[in-house]
Amino acid sequence: MSLSRFLGLILVLGASPGVSAEAVWVGRFSEGDTSVPAPWKVERLSEKHPPTRYAVRRWDGVVAIEAHSDKSMALLGRPVAVDLTKTPILCWQWRIDAPVASADMTTKSGDDYAARVYLTFSVPPEQLGLGTRAKLALARSIYGDQVPDAALNYVWDNRHPVGTLQDNAYTDRARMLVLRSGAARAGAWVHERRNVLKDFKLAFGDAGGQLSGLAVASDTDNTGEKAHAGFADLRFVAHEEDCAVTGNE
């Protein structure tokens, strides 16, 4: 063997294969205690309506967050520290008993969802226009610092086609993206996989956003209806990784 071929073989054998970033779990729950574990906490956006009730339970073989909404609204949220350049894919599974029949996300009176996953982002001030900064300052004076610079909502809607993306009925700083619509998949666990970086750019353009929080919710405060939903196995993975679940099925 020539010296050049020998050295080439050494380089090939010694090369380290690419290593994917480890999954970042943000919602893996355990049996034994029905209370929701820290750092998850209920976040009420208004005192005018009762909060949605959240608990941990095993549901058709999946340990999950169970949400009961009865003319109510509250997020169940937590802070997150995730490098979306390394792990941009959000995986989870969710379910509903039925969509909110009279909901209509184009109106304030119909702004309810049987299930949604809510991501919040901080955006550099220089990338927000003067008008946007003024609106955010006003909103925070009323609702507190929980108002984010930007929010992306993955929703299970009742009527709009899958793929619909539009402003929230209350603010253009929250965008609603329909992943499921109607009752066709109701009553069973459904797996989701979304590229958050790609979806954020689709929703807000090139404005740089740093993921700051994640929440789940079932809300029926506007329509006065009831809803029952579940959320499980929320984690961020590298682009090349799949969303297979182990140990919770």
Protein backbone atom coordinates (compact mmCIF):
# COMPACT_ATOMS: atom_id res chain seq x y z
CA MET A 1 0.00 0.00 0.00
CA SER A 2 1.30 3.42 -0.92
CA LEU A 3 1.83 6.04 1.77
CA SER A 4 -0.86 8.27 0.30
CA ARG A 5 -3.46 5.48 0.33
CA PHE A 6 -2.47 4.54 3.88
CA LEU A 7 -2.90 8.12 5.10
CA GLY A 8 -6.24 8.37 3.29
CA LEU A 9 -7.46 5.21 5.00
CA ILE A 10 -6.44 6.58 8.40
CA LEU A 11 -8.40 9.77 7.74
CA VAL A 12 -11.52 7.86 6.71
CA LEU A 13 -11.41 5.48 9.65
CA GLY A 14 -10.65 8.24 12.09
CA ALA A 15 -13.35 10.60 10.91
CA SER A 16 -16.10 11.13 13.47
CA PRO A 17 -19.63 10.77 12.18
CA GLY A 18 -21.97 13.71 12.61
CA VAL A 19 -23.66 13.68 16.00
CA SER A 20 -27.20 15.00 16.27
CA ALA A 21 -28.12 17.31 19.11
CA GLU A 22 -29.91 15.55 21.95
CA ALA A 23 -33.66 15.96 22.24
CA VAL A 24 -34.79 18.70 24.62
CA TRP A 25 -37.80 17.46 26.55
CA VAL A 26 -40.18 20.12 27.80
CA GLY A 27 -43.27 18.01 28.46
CA ARG A 28 -42.69 14.46 29.68
CA PHE A 29 -44.97 13.57 32.57
CA SER A 30 -45.01 10.84 35.23
CA GLU A 31 -47.77 8.86 36.85
CA GLY A 32 -48.39 8.86 40.57
CA ASP A 33 -49.29 12.50 41.11
CA THR A 34 -52.11 14.19 39.25
CA SER A 35 -50.79 17.69 39.96
CA VAL A 36 -48.92 19.44 37.17
CA PRO A 37 -45.15 19.50 37.91
CA ALA A 38 -42.96 22.60 37.99
CA PRO A 39 -41.90 24.55 36.02
CA TRP A 40 -45.34 24.27 34.43
CA LYS A 41 -47.89 26.68 35.88
CA VAL A 42 -51.36 27.97 35.10
CA GLU A 43 -51.31 31.44 33.53
CA ARG A 44 -54.58 33.36 33.62
CA LEU A 45 -54.94 36.12 31.06
CA SER A 46 -58.11 37.53 32.62
CA GLU A 47 -59.90 37.30 35.95
CA LYS A 48 -63.30 37.60 34.25
CA HIS A 49 -63.46 33.89 33.46
CA PRO A 50 -62.59 30.78 35.47
CA PRO A 51 -59.32 29.03 34.58
CA THR A 52 -59.18 25.89 32.52
CA ARG A 53 -58.42 22.90 34.77
CA TYR A 54 -55.23 20.89 34.12
CA ALA A 55 -54.05 17.60 35.62
CA VAL A 56 -51.73 14.68 34.82
CA ARG A 57 -53.29 11.32 33.99
CA ARG A 58 -52.69 8.17 31.95
CA TRP A 59 -55.05 8.36 29.01
CA ASP A 60 -55.30 5.42 26.61
CA GLY A 61 -51.76 4.37 27.47
CA VAL A 62 -50.24 7.87 27.33
CA VAL A 63 -49.23 9.87 30.42
CA ALA A 64 -50.40 13.34 29.54
CA ILE A 65 -51.70 16.72 30.55
CA GLU A 66 -55.49 16.62 30.59
CA ALA A 67 -57.36 19.89 30.05
CA HIS A 68 -61.00 20.56 30.96
CA SER A 69 -62.45 23.84 29.73
CA ASP A 70 -65.94 25.00 30.75
CA LYS A 71 -66.56 28.61 29.71
CA SER A 72 -62.97 29.07 30.83
CA MET A 73 -59.53 30.19 29.74
CA ALA A 74 -56.01 29.74 31.09
CA LEU A 75 -52.72 28.65 29.60
CA LEU A 76 -50.56 25.96 31.14
CA GLY A 77 -47.09 27.24 30.38
CA ARG A 78 -43.42 27.06 31.18
CA PRO A 79 -40.23 28.87 30.18
CA VAL A 80 -37.99 27.11 27.66
CA ALA A 81 -34.36 27.50 26.71
CA VAL A 82 -33.91 25.82 23.34
CA ASP A 83 -31.40 26.52 20.59
CA LEU A 84 -33.64 26.29 17.54
CA THR A 85 -30.64 26.24 15.22
CA LYS A 86 -29.77 22.83 16.70
CA THR A 87 -33.19 21.42 17.61
CA PRO A 88 -35.80 23.25 15.51
CA ILE A 89 -38.37 20.44 15.35
CA LEU A 90 -41.15 20.41 17.93
CA CYS A 91 -42.75 16.99 18.42
CA TRP A 92 -45.82 16.20 20.49
CA GLN A 93 -49.07 14.33 20.53
CA TRP A 94 -52.49 15.68 21.38
CA ARG A 95 -56.15 14.78 21.30
CA ILE A 96 -59.61 16.28 21.67
CA ASP A 97 -63.03 14.86 22.35
CA ALA A 98 -64.58 17.27 19.86
CA PRO A 99 -63.87 20.68 18.33
CA VAL A 100 -65.55 23.79 19.74
CA ALA A 101 -68.69 23.83 17.60
CA SER A 102 -69.40 27.57 17.46
CA ALA A 103 -65.79 28.79 17.41
CA ASP A 104 -64.61 31.12 14.65
CA MET A 105 -61.01 32.27 14.92
CA THR A 106 -61.69 35.25 12.64
CA THR A 107 -63.81 36.90 15.37
CA LYS A 108 -63.20 37.85 19.00
CA SER A 109 -66.46 36.21 20.05
CA GLY A 110 -65.35 32.94 18.43
CA ASP A 111 -61.68 32.92 19.44
CA ASP A 112 -61.76 29.51 21.18
CA TYR A 113 -59.96 26.23 20.53
CA ALA A 114 -60.38 22.71 21.84
CA ALA A 115 -56.59 22.44 21.84
CA ARG A 116 -53.63 24.62 21.01
CA VAL A 117 -49.88 24.69 21.56
CA TYR A 118 -48.63 28.21 22.14
CA LEU A 119 -45.02 29.34 21.57
CA THR A 120 -43.77 32.74 22.69
CA PHE A 121 -40.77 34.63 21.35
CA SER A 122 -38.71 37.64 22.30
CA VAL A 123 -37.74 39.87 19.37
CA PRO A 124 -34.92 42.47 19.38
CA PRO A 125 -36.48 45.95 19.85
CA GLU A 126 -34.76 47.29 16.75
CA GLN A 127 -36.68 44.73 14.68
CA LEU A 128 -40.02 45.97 15.99
CA GLY A 129 -41.55 49.09 14.52
CA LEU A 130 -42.40 52.08 16.68
CA GLY A 131 -46.11 51.34 16.39
CA THR A 132 -45.62 47.71 17.42
CA ARG A 133 -43.53 48.71 20.43
CA ALA A 134 -46.24 51.16 21.49
CA LYS A 135 -48.97 48.50 21.18
CA LEU A 136 -46.94 46.01 23.18
CA ALA A 137 -46.27 48.59 25.90
CA LEU A 138 -50.00 49.31 26.17
CA ALA A 139 -50.89 45.61 26.28
CA ARG A 140 -48.32 44.98 29.03
CA SER A 141 -49.68 47.87 31.06
CA ILE A 142 -53.03 46.05 31.08
CA TYR A 143 -52.08 42.36 31.12
CA GLY A 144 -48.56 42.42 32.56
CA ASP A 145 -45.21 41.20 31.31
CA GLN A 146 -46.68 37.88 30.16
CA VAL A 147 -47.56 39.56 26.84
CA PRO A 148 -44.86 38.33 24.40
CA ASP A 149 -43.22 40.16 21.51
CA ALA A 150 -44.58 37.44 19.22
CA ALA A 151 -46.56 34.23 19.62
CA LEU A 152 -47.15 31.29 17.30
CA ASN A 153 -50.18 29.11 17.99
CA TYR A 154 -50.64 25.62 16.60
CA VAL A 155 -54.40 25.03 16.82
CA TRP A 156 -56.96 22.28 16.45
CA ASP A 157 -59.75 24.26 14.81
CA ASN A 158 -63.35 23.43 14.02
CA ARG A 159 -63.82 24.78 10.49
CA HIS A 160 -60.82 26.36 8.77
CA PRO A 161 -58.67 24.25 6.42
CA VAL A 162 -55.43 22.72 7.63
CA GLY A 163 -52.61 25.12 6.81
CA THR A 164 -54.65 28.28 7.42
CA LEU A 165 -52.41 30.98 8.90
CA GLN A 166 -53.83 34.26 10.13
CA ASP A 167 -53.64 36.89 12.84
CA ASN A 168 -55.32 36.25 16.14
CA ALA A 169 -58.64 38.08 16.41
CA TYR A 170 -57.24 40.27 19.21
CA THR A 171 -53.69 41.02 18.04
CA ASP A 172 -51.43 40.70 15.03
CA ARG A 173 -48.56 39.76 17.38
CA ALA A 174 -50.10 36.29 17.70
CA ARG A 175 -50.49 34.13 14.60
CA MET A 176 -52.74 31.09 14.42
CA LEU A 177 -51.71 28.08 12.31
CA VAL A 178 -54.31 25.34 11.83
CA LEU A 179 -52.79 21.86 12.10
CA ARG A 180 -56.02 19.90 12.58
CA SER A 181 -59.58 20.83 11.72
CA GLY A 182 -62.89 19.25 12.55
CA ALA A 183 -63.71 15.99 14.28
CA ALA A 184 -62.20 13.47 11.87
CA ARG A 185 -59.31 12.61 14.24
CA ALA A 186 -61.11 13.37 17.50
CA GLY A 187 -61.07 10.74 20.22
CA ALA A 188 -57.55 9.45 19.57
CA TRP A 189 -53.96 10.56 20.03
CA VAL A 190 -52.50 12.37 17.03
CA HIS A 191 -48.76 12.91 16.55
CA GLU A 192 -47.36 16.21 15.29
CA ARG A 193 -43.98 17.35 13.98
CA ARG A 194 -43.31 21.02 13.17
CA ASN A 195 -40.23 22.98 12.17
CA VAL A 196 -40.58 25.95 14.52
CA LEU A 197 -37.90 28.04 12.80
CA LYS A 198 -39.64 27.62 9.46
CA ASP A 199 -43.08 28.31 10.91
CA PHE A 200 -41.89 31.42 12.76
CA LYS A 201 -40.43 32.82 9.55
CA LEU A 202 -43.66 31.99 7.72
CA ALA A 203 -45.68 33.80 10.38
CA PHE A 204 -43.46 36.82 11.11
CA GLY A 205 -41.04 37.11 8.21
CA ASP A 206 -37.36 37.67 8.83
CA ALA A 207 -37.77 39.22 12.29
CA GLY A 208 -35.36 37.32 14.51
CA GLY A 209 -37.13 35.66 17.40
CA GLN A 210 -35.75 33.83 20.43
CA LEU A 211 -38.06 31.15 21.78
CA SER A 212 -38.89 32.01 25.39
CA GLY A 213 -41.88 29.93 26.42
CA LEU A 214 -44.27 27.12 25.56
CA ALA A 215 -47.82 26.57 26.71
CA VAL A 216 -50.76 24.29 26.04
CA ALA A 217 -54.37 25.34 26.31
CA SER A 218 -58.00 24.49 25.87
CA ASP A 219 -60.23 27.57 26.01
CA THR A 220 -63.93 28.24 25.66
CA ASP A 221 -64.37 31.58 27.41
CA ASN A 222 -65.70 33.41 24.35
CA THR A 223 -68.18 30.80 23.08
CA GLY A 224 -69.27 29.55 26.51
CA GLU A 225 -68.83 25.91 25.45
CA LYS A 226 -66.97 22.97 26.96
CA ALA A 227 -63.84 21.22 25.68
CA HIS A 228 -61.70 18.27 26.74
CA ALA A 229 -58.15 17.82 25.43
CA GLY A 230 -54.82 16.13 26.13
CA PHE A 231 -51.16 16.95 25.44
CA ALA A 232 -48.12 14.70 25.80
CA ASP A 233 -44.47 14.07 24.89
CA LEU A 234 -43.49 17.62 23.96
CA ARG A 235 -39.84 17.86 22.94
CA PHE A 236 -37.50 19.57 20.49
CA VAL A 237 -35.30 17.42 18.26
CA ALA A 238 -32.72 17.94 15.52
CA HIS A 239 -33.96 18.28 11.96
CA GLU A 240 -32.75 14.80 10.97
CA GLU A 241 -34.31 13.07 14.00
CA ASP A 242 -37.75 11.48 13.94
CA CYS A 243 -40.47 11.95 16.52
CA ALA A 244 -40.72 8.35 17.66
CA VAL A 245 -41.82 8.05 21.28
CA THR A 246 -40.28 5.51 23.64
CA GLY A 247 -41.53 4.64 27.08
CA ASN A 248 -44.97 6.30 26.87
CA GLU A 249 -46.98 4.04 24.62
